[in-house]
Every structure is written in structure tokens, then in C-alpha cells.
């Protein structure tokens, strides 16, 4: 290579580093897109990236470890409260699809929602949603006067509660990019075929406040990944196929107020 080319190449990667990312692993493999997006976007900037998987844990525990620096980064729905606790990376991650919620219900129970056309209709049937403590959805459902059951600890228990059908827990609202994995893993549940509960929020990465330099590195890398098409390619490969069969554009949309100071 020409000496000038070598010089410019070295200059371009002068700030490249070896980066260790401590990330939570998940049993349902939903993390594949988020982990690969972090790794490949940072590598495209010249960094060497080591992904160190930590075991799955409740969201309250994730927040505590992220705050203390034991976790490097995690994807959450953006909220004002999280903006205060962590360092937000200003790049939406799911192109809005995580805010498109469908109902996971006990097999054979979808007919209970057949006449629901509006938020008032959903309020009137008084069905109780299953959620984990600390999820932003809890605040959205309460803001919209919809009953919620909050699970402490392992949120995966919620699938069993809905399937049991006798625990005063009726449905589990899940994002369009995740619900097909859920129903495949829990054949005693089904996707309610007609409704789409929609709110305007998206996942973003939050970095531990212990690592402000890392936050800047990730934001720069993701801006480049968005511009180059890397993010869209990973999304289309890993998440979009899970959405196409759900017929989102044919469903009855119920818009939920998510303008919450939380």
C-alpha cells in the first residue's frame, strides 16, 4: 500500500479501541439484533469488540447493574426517568415496531375481544394485562385506565399465568417484533387476530453513567450504521420476518396515550 494510504488508514483508526461490552443475555434470543448491531457498528468504526454475556434478570436488577457499571449497555423503552439515570443513545432501534402491541391470550380465548373496536370497548370488558414490575408499559396501561397485573421477579412467569386462565390475568401485550417467538415457545397461547394497541415509543440503548466515553462511541457508530444501511439490513434480516405475517395494516388500531412523565 502507498505510504500516504497507510498514513490515512492509521489516522482513521487512531481512536480505535478494544471494547468489552457486558450485556444481558435472554432466553428468547431477542437480543441477537441488539447485540449484533452494537458489535458490528462498533467494528465498522475500527474497534475490537468483546461481548460478555450476563444472565437474564428482572428489569429492576438490570437497571441497578447498569447504574453501577456491572452492565455496560442495555436496550429499554425511552423514558424521562431512564434519561436521568443512564446515558441515552439517541438512535431508535426498532423503527417504532416495539410500540405496536398485540395480545397474547390463552388458546381459545380470542373471541372475548371480538367486539372491541375502541379504547372504551377495551376498558369496558375489564380484561387484565400481564406485565413485569418496572416496565414502561405498566405506566401506559394505567394512564389509559386499563387493568394491569405486575409480576415481581422472573417476567417469564407471565406466560404461565395467562395460560392458566384462572389467575385473574387475561392477556400479555407483546411487541410485533417479539410475539411470534413467544407463541412458538408457548403453544398453549395464541395471538388475538384483530387488535393492535399502538403507542409512540421505541427502544434506545442506555449506557451506564460510569462510561460516558462508551456512550459517545456507540452513538457515533450507530449514526454511521443508520446512514450506511447496516442497521436496516440487520433489522430486516433478524426482526422484520417476524412481523410480516401479523397483518398489522389490517388490524383495528387502538392508540394509547404514552405522553407520560416517567
Protein backbone atom coordinates (compact mmCIF):
# COMPACT_ATOMS: atom_id res chain seq x y z
CA UNK A 1 0.00 0.00 0.00
CA UNK A 2 1.21 3.55 -0.73
CA UNK A 3 2.73 5.30 2.31
CA UNK A 4 0.08 8.03 2.18
CA UNK A 5 -2.68 5.40 2.18
CA UNK A 6 -1.14 3.69 5.20
CA UNK A 7 -0.91 7.04 6.98
CA UNK A 8 -4.56 7.89 6.27
CA UNK A 9 -5.70 4.42 7.33
CA UNK A 10 -3.79 4.74 10.60
CA UNK A 11 -5.20 8.23 11.11
CA UNK A 12 -8.75 6.99 10.54
CA UNK A 13 -8.44 4.35 13.27
CA UNK A 14 -6.27 6.41 15.62
CA UNK A 15 -9.01 6.28 18.24
CA UNK A 16 -9.92 2.63 17.73
CA UNK A 17 -10.03 0.65 20.96
CA UNK A 18 -10.67 -2.81 22.33
CA UNK A 19 -14.11 -2.55 23.94
CA UNK A 20 -15.60 -5.02 26.41
CA UNK A 21 -19.39 -4.88 26.46
CA UNK A 22 -21.18 -6.57 29.36
CA UNK A 23 -24.68 -7.29 28.01
CA UNK A 24 -27.65 -9.20 29.38
CA UNK A 25 -28.43 -12.42 27.58
CA UNK A 26 -32.06 -13.54 27.06
CA UNK A 27 -33.59 -16.98 26.83
CA UNK A 28 -35.83 -15.99 23.91
CA UNK A 29 -32.90 -14.84 21.74
CA UNK A 30 -34.47 -11.42 21.15
CA UNK A 31 -31.11 -9.92 21.99
CA UNK A 32 -29.47 -11.13 18.75
CA UNK A 33 -30.37 -8.00 16.80
CA UNK A 34 -29.31 -5.60 19.58
CA UNK A 35 -26.05 -7.41 20.31
CA UNK A 36 -25.09 -7.68 16.65
CA UNK A 37 -25.98 -4.05 15.99
CA UNK A 38 -23.67 -2.94 18.79
CA UNK A 39 -20.86 -5.25 17.76
CA UNK A 40 -20.96 -4.69 14.01
CA UNK A 41 -21.46 -0.92 14.16
CA UNK A 42 -18.52 -0.50 16.56
CA UNK A 43 -16.37 -2.85 14.47
CA UNK A 44 -17.18 -0.77 11.40
CA UNK A 45 -15.61 2.16 13.25
CA UNK A 46 -12.42 0.15 13.70
CA UNK A 47 -12.95 -1.02 17.28
CA UNK A 48 -12.33 -4.55 18.51
CA UNK A 49 -15.44 -5.63 20.44
CA UNK A 50 -15.80 -8.38 23.04
CA UNK A 51 -19.36 -9.30 24.01
CA UNK A 52 -19.56 -10.64 27.55
CA UNK A 53 -22.95 -12.20 28.28
CA UNK A 54 -24.55 -11.80 31.68
CA UNK A 55 -27.52 -13.99 32.73
CA UNK A 56 -31.09 -12.84 32.20
CA UNK A 57 -32.54 -10.90 35.11
CA UNK A 58 -35.59 -8.79 36.06
CA UNK A 59 -35.66 -5.25 34.67
CA UNK A 60 -35.24 -3.73 38.15
CA UNK A 61 -31.99 -5.70 38.53
CA UNK A 62 -30.85 -4.70 35.03
CA UNK A 63 -31.32 -1.05 35.95
CA UNK A 64 -29.35 -1.43 39.17
CA UNK A 65 -26.41 -3.15 37.47
CA UNK A 66 -26.44 -0.66 34.59
CA UNK A 67 -26.36 2.21 37.06
CA UNK A 68 -23.40 0.67 38.88
CA UNK A 69 -21.45 -0.24 35.76
CA UNK A 70 -21.68 -4.04 36.04
CA UNK A 71 -23.66 -3.90 32.79
CA UNK A 72 -22.27 -1.67 30.05
CA UNK A 73 -25.39 -1.03 27.97
CA UNK A 74 -28.97 -2.23 27.62
CA UNK A 75 -31.95 -1.52 25.39
CA UNK A 76 -35.03 -0.02 27.06
CA UNK A 77 -38.07 1.94 26.01
CA UNK A 78 -37.10 5.60 26.29
CA UNK A 79 -38.47 7.38 29.36
CA UNK A 80 -37.65 10.61 31.20
CA UNK A 81 -36.76 8.64 34.34
CA UNK A 82 -34.23 6.50 32.45
CA UNK A 83 -32.82 9.59 30.76
CA UNK A 84 -31.92 10.86 34.25
CA UNK A 85 -30.39 7.61 35.48
CA UNK A 86 -28.46 6.48 32.40
CA UNK A 87 -26.79 7.86 29.26
CA UNK A 88 -29.20 7.66 26.33
CA UNK A 89 -28.02 6.93 22.80
CA UNK A 90 -30.28 8.93 20.51
CA UNK A 91 -30.94 6.32 17.83
CA UNK A 92 -34.34 4.48 17.75
CA UNK A 93 -33.79 0.75 17.45
CA UNK A 94 -36.99 -0.95 16.24
CA UNK A 95 -38.28 1.61 13.72
CA UNK A 96 -41.30 2.03 16.02
CA UNK A 97 -42.43 -1.60 15.91
CA UNK A 98 -41.88 -2.36 19.60
CA UNK A 99 -44.67 0.14 20.32
CA UNK A 100 -47.07 -1.87 18.15
CA UNK A 101 -48.57 -4.28 20.71
CA UNK A 102 -50.61 -7.40 20.04
CA UNK A 103 -52.40 -9.53 22.61
CA UNK A 104 -51.15 -12.95 23.62
CA UNK A 105 -54.06 -14.88 25.16
CA UNK A 106 -54.90 -18.38 26.31
CA UNK A 107 -55.68 -20.61 23.34
CA UNK A 108 -59.41 -20.42 22.61
CA UNK A 109 -59.93 -17.09 24.37
CA UNK A 110 -59.59 -14.67 21.42
CA UNK A 111 -63.37 -14.44 20.97
CA UNK A 112 -63.59 -12.42 24.18
CA UNK A 113 -62.06 -9.47 22.28
CA UNK A 114 -64.08 -9.79 19.06
CA UNK A 115 -66.31 -6.77 19.72
CA UNK A 116 -63.51 -4.47 20.84
CA UNK A 117 -63.10 -1.57 18.41
CA UNK A 118 -62.05 1.34 20.65
CA UNK A 119 -60.17 2.07 23.85
CA UNK A 120 -63.52 2.48 25.62
CA UNK A 121 -64.51 -1.01 24.47
CA UNK A 122 -61.29 -2.47 25.85
CA UNK A 123 -61.79 -0.68 29.14
CA UNK A 124 -65.36 -1.96 29.33
CA UNK A 125 -64.51 -5.66 29.08
CA UNK A 126 -62.16 -5.22 32.07
CA UNK A 127 -59.51 -7.69 30.95
CA UNK A 128 -56.29 -7.60 32.95
CA UNK A 129 -52.91 -7.28 31.25
CA UNK A 130 -49.82 -9.18 32.40
CA UNK A 131 -46.60 -7.16 32.82
CA UNK A 132 -43.42 -7.11 34.84
CA UNK A 133 -42.65 -4.62 37.56
CA UNK A 134 -40.66 -1.70 36.19
CA UNK A 135 -41.83 -1.97 32.59
CA UNK A 136 -42.83 1.27 30.91
CA UNK A 137 -45.96 -0.47 29.62
CA UNK A 138 -47.31 -0.57 33.19
CA UNK A 139 -47.45 3.22 33.20
CA UNK A 140 -49.03 3.33 29.72
CA UNK A 141 -51.79 0.90 30.67
CA UNK A 142 -52.54 2.75 33.91
CA UNK A 143 -52.56 6.09 32.07
CA UNK A 144 -55.16 4.62 29.71
CA UNK A 145 -57.23 3.17 32.57
CA UNK A 146 -56.57 -0.45 31.66
CA UNK A 147 -56.16 -3.04 34.47
CA UNK A 148 -52.63 -4.40 34.98
CA UNK A 149 -51.08 -7.24 36.93
CA UNK A 150 -47.42 -6.57 37.85
CA UNK A 151 -45.12 -9.57 38.23
CA UNK A 152 -42.20 -9.36 40.65
CA UNK A 153 -39.04 -11.23 39.68
CA UNK A 154 -38.91 -13.50 36.64
CA UNK A 155 -41.18 -11.95 33.99
CA UNK A 156 -41.30 -15.23 32.02
CA UNK A 157 -43.78 -16.49 34.64
CA UNK A 158 -46.35 -14.25 32.93
CA UNK A 159 -46.76 -16.71 30.07
CA UNK A 160 -47.79 -19.41 32.53
CA UNK A 161 -50.21 -17.09 34.33
CA UNK A 162 -52.00 -16.21 31.10
CA UNK A 163 -52.09 -19.85 30.01
CA UNK A 164 -53.54 -20.93 33.38
CA UNK A 165 -56.62 -18.80 32.75
CA UNK A 166 -57.55 -18.74 36.43
CA UNK A 167 -55.17 -16.17 37.92
CA UNK A 168 -57.11 -13.01 37.04
CA UNK A 169 -54.54 -12.37 34.27
CA UNK A 170 -56.13 -12.32 30.82
CA UNK A 171 -53.62 -11.24 28.20
CA UNK A 172 -49.99 -10.38 27.68
CA UNK A 173 -49.38 -7.40 25.31
CA UNK A 174 -46.23 -8.06 23.27
CA UNK A 175 -44.39 -6.09 20.62
CA UNK A 176 -44.84 -7.03 16.98
CA UNK A 177 -41.15 -7.95 16.71
CA UNK A 178 -41.29 -10.46 19.58
CA UNK A 179 -44.74 -12.07 19.75
CA UNK A 180 -44.16 -14.81 17.16
CA UNK A 181 -41.18 -16.09 19.15
CA UNK A 182 -43.38 -16.03 22.25
CA UNK A 183 -46.22 -18.05 20.78
CA UNK A 184 -43.81 -20.56 19.26
CA UNK A 185 -42.34 -21.17 22.71
CA UNK A 186 -45.77 -21.35 24.40
CA UNK A 187 -48.17 -23.43 22.25
CA UNK A 188 -50.93 -23.13 24.85
CA UNK A 189 -51.22 -19.44 23.92
CA UNK A 190 -52.43 -17.72 20.74
CA UNK A 191 -52.28 -14.27 19.16
CA UNK A 192 -55.57 -12.38 19.22
CA UNK A 193 -56.18 -11.81 15.48
CA UNK A 194 -57.80 -8.36 15.19
CA UNK A 195 -56.37 -5.76 17.57
CA UNK A 196 -53.26 -3.58 17.55
CA UNK A 197 -52.56 -1.40 20.59
CA UNK A 198 -50.22 1.36 19.48
CA UNK A 199 -48.10 3.94 21.27
CA UNK A 200 -45.26 6.16 20.10
CA UNK A 201 -42.15 4.96 21.88
CA UNK A 202 -39.13 2.99 20.78
CA UNK A 203 -36.23 1.11 22.25
CA UNK A 204 -32.98 3.01 22.61
CA UNK A 205 -29.67 1.95 24.07
CA UNK A 206 -28.86 3.23 27.53
CA UNK A 207 -25.22 3.21 28.62
CA UNK A 208 -24.06 3.05 32.23
CA UNK A 209 -23.33 6.54 33.62
CA UNK A 210 -19.91 5.15 34.56
CA UNK A 211 -18.93 5.06 30.86
CA UNK A 212 -19.62 8.40 29.14
CA UNK A 213 -16.88 7.74 26.55
CA UNK A 214 -18.60 4.49 25.60
CA UNK A 215 -21.87 6.31 25.11
CA UNK A 216 -20.23 8.67 22.64
CA UNK A 217 -18.55 5.78 20.80
CA UNK A 218 -21.83 3.88 20.47
CA UNK A 219 -23.78 6.91 19.28
CA UNK A 220 -21.17 7.73 16.65
CA UNK A 221 -21.15 4.09 15.49
CA UNK A 222 -24.94 3.86 15.31
CA UNK A 223 -25.25 7.12 13.41
CA UNK A 224 -22.87 5.66 10.84
CA UNK A 225 -24.75 2.32 10.84
CA UNK A 226 -28.03 4.11 10.16
CA UNK A 227 -26.50 6.16 7.34
CA UNK A 228 -24.77 3.17 5.73
CA UNK A 229 -27.82 0.93 5.92
CA UNK A 230 -26.17 -1.55 8.32
CA UNK A 231 -28.87 -1.08 10.96
CA UNK A 232 -31.68 -1.55 8.45
CA UNK A 233 -30.04 -4.66 6.99
CA UNK A 234 -29.71 -6.27 10.42
CA UNK A 235 -33.28 -5.30 11.31
CA UNK A 236 -34.67 -6.69 8.06
CA UNK A 237 -32.69 -9.91 8.48
CA UNK A 238 -33.33 -10.60 12.18
CA UNK A 239 -36.61 -8.92 13.14
CA UNK A 240 -38.73 -7.94 10.16
CA UNK A 241 -39.52 -11.54 9.11
CA UNK A 242 -41.23 -11.95 12.49
CA UNK A 243 -43.65 -9.13 11.63
CA UNK A 244 -44.80 -9.70 8.04
CA UNK A 245 -47.29 -12.49 8.81
CA UNK A 246 -49.07 -10.46 11.53
CA UNK A 247 -51.06 -8.31 9.05
CA UNK A 248 -50.58 -5.16 11.10
CA UNK A 249 -52.17 -2.95 8.44
CA UNK A 250 -55.42 -4.96 8.58
CA UNK A 251 -55.90 -4.80 12.33
CA UNK A 252 -58.11 -2.47 14.38
CA UNK A 253 -55.73 0.12 15.81
CA UNK A 254 -56.28 1.44 19.33
CA UNK A 255 -53.96 4.37 20.03
CA UNK A 256 -52.74 4.60 23.62
CA UNK A 257 -51.58 7.78 25.30
CA UNK A 258 -47.88 7.37 26.13
CA UNK A 259 -47.05 11.02 26.87
CA UNK A 260 -46.17 10.17 30.44
CA UNK A 261 -43.66 11.98 32.66
CA UNK A 262 -41.87 8.83 33.70
